[in-house]
C-alpha atoms as a PDB file:
ATOM      1  CA  MET A   1       0.000   0.000   0.000  1.00  0.00           C
ATOM      2  CA  ILE A   2       1.199   3.499  -0.819  1.00  0.00           C
ATOM      3  CA  ASP A   3       2.331   5.748   2.010  1.00  0.00           C
ATOM      4  CA  ARG A   4       4.647   8.729   2.522  1.00  0.00           C
ATOM      5  CA  ASP A   5       7.718   6.501   2.398  1.00  0.00           C
ATOM      6  CA  SER A   6       6.756   5.024  -0.980  1.00  0.00           C
ATOM      7  CA  PHE A   7       8.304   7.985  -2.783  1.00  0.00           C
ATOM      8  CA  THR A   8      11.663   9.705  -2.865  1.00  0.00           C
ATOM      9  CA  VAL A   9      11.998  13.416  -2.192  1.00  0.00           C
ATOM     10  CA  GLU A  10      12.329  14.015  -5.943  1.00  0.00           C
ATOM     11  CA  GLU A  11       9.200  11.969  -6.644  1.00  0.00           C
ATOM     12  CA  TRP A  12       7.299  13.937  -4.003  1.00  0.00           C
ATOM     13  CA  GLY A  13       8.479  17.152  -5.632  1.00  0.00           C
ATOM     14  CA  ASN A  14       7.029  15.971  -8.920  1.00  0.00           C
ATOM     15  CA  ILE A  15       3.781  14.740  -7.331  1.00  0.00           C
ATOM     16  CA  ILE A  16       3.179  18.119  -5.687  1.00  0.00           C
ATOM     17  CA  SER A  17       4.393  20.239  -8.606  1.00  0.00           C
ATOM     18  CA  VAL A  18       2.227  18.686 -11.318  1.00  0.00           C
ATOM     19  CA  PRO A  19      -1.159  19.842  -9.933  1.00  0.00           C
ATOM     20  CA  ALA A  20       0.412  23.260  -9.248  1.00  0.00           C
ATOM     21  CA  SER A  21       1.655  23.389 -12.849  1.00  0.00           C
ATOM     22  CA  VAL A  22      -1.796  22.523 -14.163  1.00  0.00           C
ATOM     23  CA  GLY A  23      -3.180  25.365 -12.042  1.00  0.00           C
ATOM     24  CA  ALA A  24      -0.526  27.683 -13.450  1.00  0.00           C
ATOM     25  CA  LEU A  25      -1.739  26.833 -16.966  1.00  0.00           C
ATOM     26  CA  VAL A  26      -5.082  28.354 -16.040  1.00  0.00           C
ATOM     27  CA  VAL A  27      -3.331  31.451 -14.663  1.00  0.00           C
ATOM     28  CA  THR A  28      -1.494  31.936 -17.962  1.00  0.00           C
ATOM     29  CA  ALA A  29      -4.663  31.456 -20.020  1.00  0.00           C
ATOM     30  CA  ASP A  30      -5.955  34.878 -19.015  1.00  0.00           C
ATOM     31  CA  PRO A  31      -3.628  36.671 -16.577  1.00  0.00           C
ATOM     32  CA  SER A  32      -5.341  38.779 -13.932  1.00  0.00           C
ATOM     33  CA  GLY A  33      -4.128  41.967 -12.348  1.00  0.00           C
ATOM     34  CA  PRO A  34      -1.764  41.843  -9.363  1.00  0.00           C
ATOM     35  CA  PHE A  35      -4.475  41.119  -6.788  1.00  0.00           C
ATOM     36  CA  GLY A  36      -6.091  38.521  -9.012  1.00  0.00           C
ATOM     37  CA  LEU A  37      -2.767  36.764  -9.542  1.00  0.00           C
ATOM     38  CA  ILE A  38      -2.218  36.568  -5.801  1.00  0.00           C
ATOM     39  CA  GLY A  39      -5.652  34.991  -5.381  1.00  0.00           C
ATOM     40  CA  GLU A  40      -5.073  32.561  -8.228  1.00  0.00           C
ATOM     41  CA  PHE A  41      -1.719  31.371  -6.913  1.00  0.00           C
ATOM     42  CA  ARG A  42      -3.133  31.093  -3.399  1.00  0.00           C
ATOM     43  CA  ALA A  43      -5.978  29.008  -4.838  1.00  0.00           C
ATOM     44  CA  ILE A  44      -3.464  26.435  -6.106  1.00  0.00           C
ATOM     45  CA  MET A  45      -2.219  25.418  -2.662  1.00  0.00           C
ATOM     46  CA  ASN A  46      -5.508  25.949  -0.849  1.00  0.00           C
ATOM     47  CA  SER A  47      -7.412  23.779  -3.318  1.00  0.00           C
ATOM     48  CA  MET A  48      -4.774  21.043  -3.158  1.00  0.00           C
ATOM     49  CA  LYS A  49      -5.010  20.999   0.645  1.00  0.00           C
ATOM     50  CA  GLN A  50      -8.813  20.963   0.524  1.00  0.00           C
ATOM     51  CA  TYR A  51      -9.014  18.172  -2.049  1.00  0.00           C
ATOM     52  CA  VAL A  52      -6.539  15.978  -0.196  1.00  0.00           C
ATOM     53  CA  ALA A  53      -8.346  16.535   3.103  1.00  0.00           C
ATOM     54  CA  ASP A  54     -11.687  15.681   1.482  1.00  0.00           C
ATOM     55  CA  TYR A  55     -10.422  12.392   0.028  1.00  0.00           C
ATOM     56  CA  ALA A  56      -7.658  11.253   2.418  1.00  0.00           C
ATOM     57  CA  ALA A  57      -9.913   8.863   4.345  1.00  0.00           C
ATOM     58  CA  GLY A  58     -10.801   6.809   1.255  1.00  0.00           C
ATOM     59  CA  SER A  59      -7.592   6.990  -0.737  1.00  0.00           C
ATOM     60  CA  PRO A  60      -4.143   5.764   0.296  1.00  0.00           C
ATOM     61  CA  LEU A  61      -2.543   8.143  -2.220  1.00  0.00           C
ATOM     62  CA  MET A  62      -4.484  11.176  -0.972  1.00  0.00           C
ATOM     63  CA  ALA A  63      -3.684  10.188   2.628  1.00  0.00           C
ATOM     64  CA  SER A  64       0.005   9.974   1.688  1.00  0.00           C
ATOM     65  CA  ILE A  65      -0.101  13.380   0.006  1.00  0.00           C
ATOM     66  CA  GLN A  66      -1.826  14.835   3.063  1.00  0.00           C
ATOM     67  CA  THR A  67       0.843  13.369   5.336  1.00  0.00           C
ATOM     68  CA  TYR A  68       3.586  14.686   3.074  1.00  0.00           C
ATOM     69  CA  MET A  69       2.054  18.174   2.940  1.00  0.00           C
ATOM     70  CA  THR A  70       1.563  18.386   6.712  1.00  0.00           C
ATOM     71  CA  THR A  71       4.781  16.764   7.949  1.00  0.00           C
ATOM     72  CA  LYS A  72       7.897  18.831   8.399  1.00  0.00           C
ATOM     73  CA  PRO A  73      10.674  17.285   6.327  1.00  0.00           C
ATOM     74  CA  SER A  74      13.874  16.144   7.971  1.00  0.00           C
ATOM     75  CA  GLU A  75      16.992  18.224   7.413  1.00  0.00           C
ATOM     76  CA  GLU A  76      18.189  15.628   4.913  1.00  0.00           C
ATOM     77  CA  GLU A  77      14.870  15.764   3.035  1.00  0.00           C
ATOM     78  CA  GLU A  78      14.976  19.570   3.025  1.00  0.00           C
ATOM     79  CA  ALA A  79      18.473  19.501   1.539  1.00  0.00           C
ATOM     80  CA  GLU A  80      17.368  16.965  -1.102  1.00  0.00           C
ATOM     81  CA  LEU A  81      14.276  19.023  -1.921  1.00  0.00           C
ATOM     82  CA  LYS A  82      16.353  22.185  -2.245  1.00  0.00           C
ATOM     83  CA  ARG A  83      18.779  20.386  -4.567  1.00  0.00           C
ATOM     84  CA  TRP A  84      15.863  19.017  -6.626  1.00  0.00           C
ATOM     85  CA  ALA A  85      14.297  22.502  -6.866  1.00  0.00           C
ATOM     86  CA  GLU A  86      17.605  23.989  -8.023  1.00  0.00           C
ATOM     87  CA  GLU A  87      17.947  21.253 -10.651  1.00  0.00           C
ATOM     88  CA  GLN A  88      14.398  21.938 -11.834  1.00  0.00           C
ATOM     89  CA  GLN A  89      15.143  25.650 -12.047  1.00  0.00           C
ATOM     90  CA  GLU A  90      18.305  25.026 -14.085  1.00  0.00           C
ATOM     91  CA  GLU A  91      16.434  22.637 -16.372  1.00  0.00           C
ATOM     92  CA  MET A  92      13.706  25.245 -16.936  1.00  0.00           C
ATOM     93  CA  LYS A  93      16.313  27.895 -17.748  1.00  0.00           C
ATOM     94  CA  ALA A  94      18.018  25.575 -20.215  1.00  0.00           C
ATOM     95  CA  ASN A  95      14.772  24.359 -21.798  1.00  0.00           C
ATOM     96  CA  LYS A  96      12.508  27.362 -21.330  1.00  0.00           C
ATOM     97  CA  PRO A  97       9.264  26.894 -23.254  1.00  0.00           C
ATOM     98  CA  GLN A  98       9.179  29.348 -26.142  1.00  0.00           C
ATOM     99  CA  THR A  99       5.431  29.328 -26.755  1.00  0.00           C
ATOM    100  CA  PRO A 100       2.293  28.647 -24.727  1.00  0.00           C
ATOM    101  CA  GLU A 101       1.972  25.358 -26.615  1.00  0.00           C
ATOM    102  CA  ASP A 102       5.521  24.413 -25.557  1.00  0.00           C
ATOM    103  CA  LEU A 103       4.528  25.092 -21.940  1.00  0.00           C
ATOM    104  CA  LYS A 104       1.406  22.955 -22.300  1.00  0.00           C
ATOM    105  CA  GLN A 105       3.462  20.139 -23.780  1.00  0.00           C
ATOM    106  CA  LEU A 106       6.008  20.339 -20.961  1.00  0.00           C
ATOM    107  CA  ILE A 107       3.235  20.100 -18.357  1.00  0.00           C
ATOM    108  CA  ARG A 108       1.529  17.335 -20.347  1.00  0.00           C
ATOM    109  CA  ASP A 109       4.788  15.348 -20.400  1.00  0.00           C
ATOM    110  CA  ARG A 110       5.410  15.871 -16.670  1.00  0.00           C
ATOM    111  CA  THR A 111       1.834  14.892 -15.878  1.00  0.00           C
ATOM    112  CA  ASN A 112       2.144  11.662 -17.855  1.00  0.00           C
ATOM    113  CA  GLU A 113       5.474  10.897 -16.161  1.00  0.00           C
ATOM    114  CA  VAL A 114       3.933  11.353 -12.702  1.00  0.00           C
ATOM    115  CA  LEU A 115       0.852   9.283 -13.550  1.00  0.00           C
ATOM    116  CA  GLY A 116       3.108   6.515 -14.837  1.00  0.00           C
ATOM    117  CA  MET A 117       5.296   6.713 -11.731  1.00  0.00           C
ATOM    118  CA  LEU A 118       2.241   6.498  -9.463  1.00  0.00           C
ATOM    119  CA  ARG A 119       1.131   3.335 -11.248  1.00  0.00           C
ATOM    120  CA  THR A 120       4.646   1.876 -11.089  1.00  0.00           C
ATOM    121  CA  LYS A 121       4.777   2.543  -7.338  1.00  0.00           C
ATOM    122  CA  GLY A 122       1.522   0.640  -6.838  1.00  0.00           C
ATOM    123  CA  ALA A 123      -1.199   3.263  -6.933  1.00  0.00           C
ATOM    124  CA  THR A 124      -4.557   1.785  -7.830  1.00  0.00           C
ATOM    125  CA  GLU A 125      -6.468   3.131 -10.827  1.00  0.00           C
ATOM    126  CA  GLU A 126      -8.911   4.589  -8.303  1.00  0.00           C
ATOM    127  CA  ASP A 127      -6.046   6.532  -6.709  1.00  0.00           C
ATOM    128  CA  VAL A 128      -4.761   7.655 -10.112  1.00  0.00           C
ATOM    129  CA  THR A 129      -8.272   8.840 -10.961  1.00  0.00           C
ATOM    130  CA  ARG A 130      -8.384  10.736  -7.637  1.00  0.00           C
ATOM    131  CA  PHE A 131      -5.056  12.363  -8.496  1.00  0.00           C
ATOM    132  CA  LYS A 132      -6.416  13.414 -11.894  1.00  0.00           C
ATOM    133  CA  GLY A 133      -9.471  14.755 -10.076  1.00  0.00           C
ATOM    134  CA  MET A 134      -7.217  16.809  -7.834  1.00  0.00           C
ATOM    135  CA  MET A 135      -5.478  18.332 -10.853  1.00  0.00           C
ATOM    136  CA  TYR A 136      -8.808  19.365 -12.334  1.00  0.00           C
ATOM    137  CA  PHE A 137     -10.099  20.605  -8.961  1.00  0.00           C
ATOM    138  CA  VAL A 138      -7.011  22.843  -8.687  1.00  0.00           C
ATOM    139  CA  ALA A 139      -7.533  24.140 -12.232  1.00  0.00           C
ATOM    140  CA  GLU A 140     -11.186  24.992 -11.504  1.00  0.00           C
ATOM    141  CA  ALA A 141     -10.273  26.691  -8.228  1.00  0.00           C
ATOM    142  CA  VAL A 142      -7.737  28.869 -10.011  1.00  0.00           C
ATOM    143  CA  ALA A 143     -10.248  29.790 -12.716  1.00  0.00           C
ATOM    144  CA  ASN A 144     -12.759  30.821 -10.056  1.00  0.00           C
ATOM    145  CA  ALA A 145     -10.249  32.652  -7.839  1.00  0.00           C
ATOM    146  CA  SER A 146     -10.647  36.082  -9.421  1.00  0.00           C
ATOM    147  CA  LYS A 147     -12.727  37.927 -11.941  1.00  0.00           C
ATOM    148  CA  GLU A 148     -11.345  38.540 -15.406  1.00  0.00           C
ATOM    149  CA  GLY A 149     -11.853  41.700 -17.427  1.00  0.00           C
ATOM    150  CA  GLY A 150     -12.976  43.971 -14.616  1.00  0.00           C
ATOM    151  CA  PHE A 151     -11.355  46.906 -12.888  1.00  0.00           C
ATOM    152  CA  LEU A 152     -10.360  46.765  -9.211  1.00  0.00           C
ATOM    153  CA  GLY A 153     -12.731  43.875  -8.643  1.00  0.00           C
ATOM    154  CA  PHE A 154     -15.728  45.519 -10.305  1.00  0.00           C
ATOM    155  CA  GLY A 155     -17.352  44.033 -13.374  1.00  0.00           C
ATOM    156  CA  GLY A 156     -15.730  41.255 -15.302  1.00  0.00           C
ATOM    157  CA  THR A 157     -16.579  37.591 -15.358  1.00  0.00           C
ATOM    158  CA  ARG A 158     -15.692  34.880 -12.875  1.00  0.00           C
ATOM    159  CA  VAL A 159     -14.265  32.504 -15.502  1.00  0.00           C
ATOM    160  CA  SER A 160     -13.136  33.899 -18.842  1.00  0.00           C
ATOM    161  CA  SER A 161     -13.641  32.124 -22.143  1.00  0.00           C
ATOM    162  CA  ALA A 162      -9.855  31.540 -22.349  1.00  0.00           C
ATOM    163  CA  GLU A 163      -9.947  29.852 -18.931  1.00  0.00           C
ATOM    164  CA  GLU A 164     -13.011  27.811 -19.923  1.00  0.00           C
ATOM    165  CA  SER A 165     -11.114  26.634 -22.989  1.00  0.00           C
ATOM    166  CA  VAL A 166      -8.086  25.578 -20.932  1.00  0.00           C
ATOM    167  CA  LEU A 167     -10.336  23.837 -18.381  1.00  0.00           C
ATOM    168  CA  ALA A 168     -12.036  21.889 -21.179  1.00  0.00           C
ATOM    169  CA  GLN A 169      -8.667  20.866 -22.609  1.00  0.00           C
ATOM    170  CA  ILE A 170      -7.377  19.771 -19.196  1.00  0.00           C
ATOM    171  CA  LYS A 171     -10.525  17.748 -18.524  1.00  0.00           C
ATOM    172  CA  SER A 172     -10.336  16.100 -21.932  1.00  0.00           C
ATOM    173  CA  GLU A 173      -6.649  15.243 -21.685  1.00  0.00           C
ATOM    174  CA  LEU A 174      -7.041  13.835 -18.168  1.00  0.00           C
ATOM    175  CA  GLY A 175      -9.961  11.736 -19.385  1.00  0.00           C
ATOM    176  CA  ILE A 176     -12.294  12.798 -16.595  1.00  0.00           C
END
């Protein structure tokens, strides 16, 4: 059965970063003003925490993610995570996506890698489906985090057509 110790620090970094990256796709679909961006990025982590809490009791993977997100890492894990983050940053600098489609493809590839890794580590299809659900839940939360097209919070629409389009693409590609 999957638990916190089933994954390396690098694997945990990927597990946590993929839903955040999917949320960031929604942010880039129709960027908000400064206050909207703050709300959208806050929505990424808050929605991940909420989803995991809602499903932890019935899903070993969600319970593991909850434990990982709420447990302070050891000094060794912190050092490994910092090294992994620096490697990711260097890789992004070296292979910076040139177009929005390049960014989508990068996130698509990372998502498929993580889904494959979860299966390899013994996640059930139900857990993989839950993980896909979390990615979409995060994307929806980001889309609903701020109004688009208004001024200082007045007017505008909750979810723009560009965000709706990205949400539909995410849902289709995740097969949910």
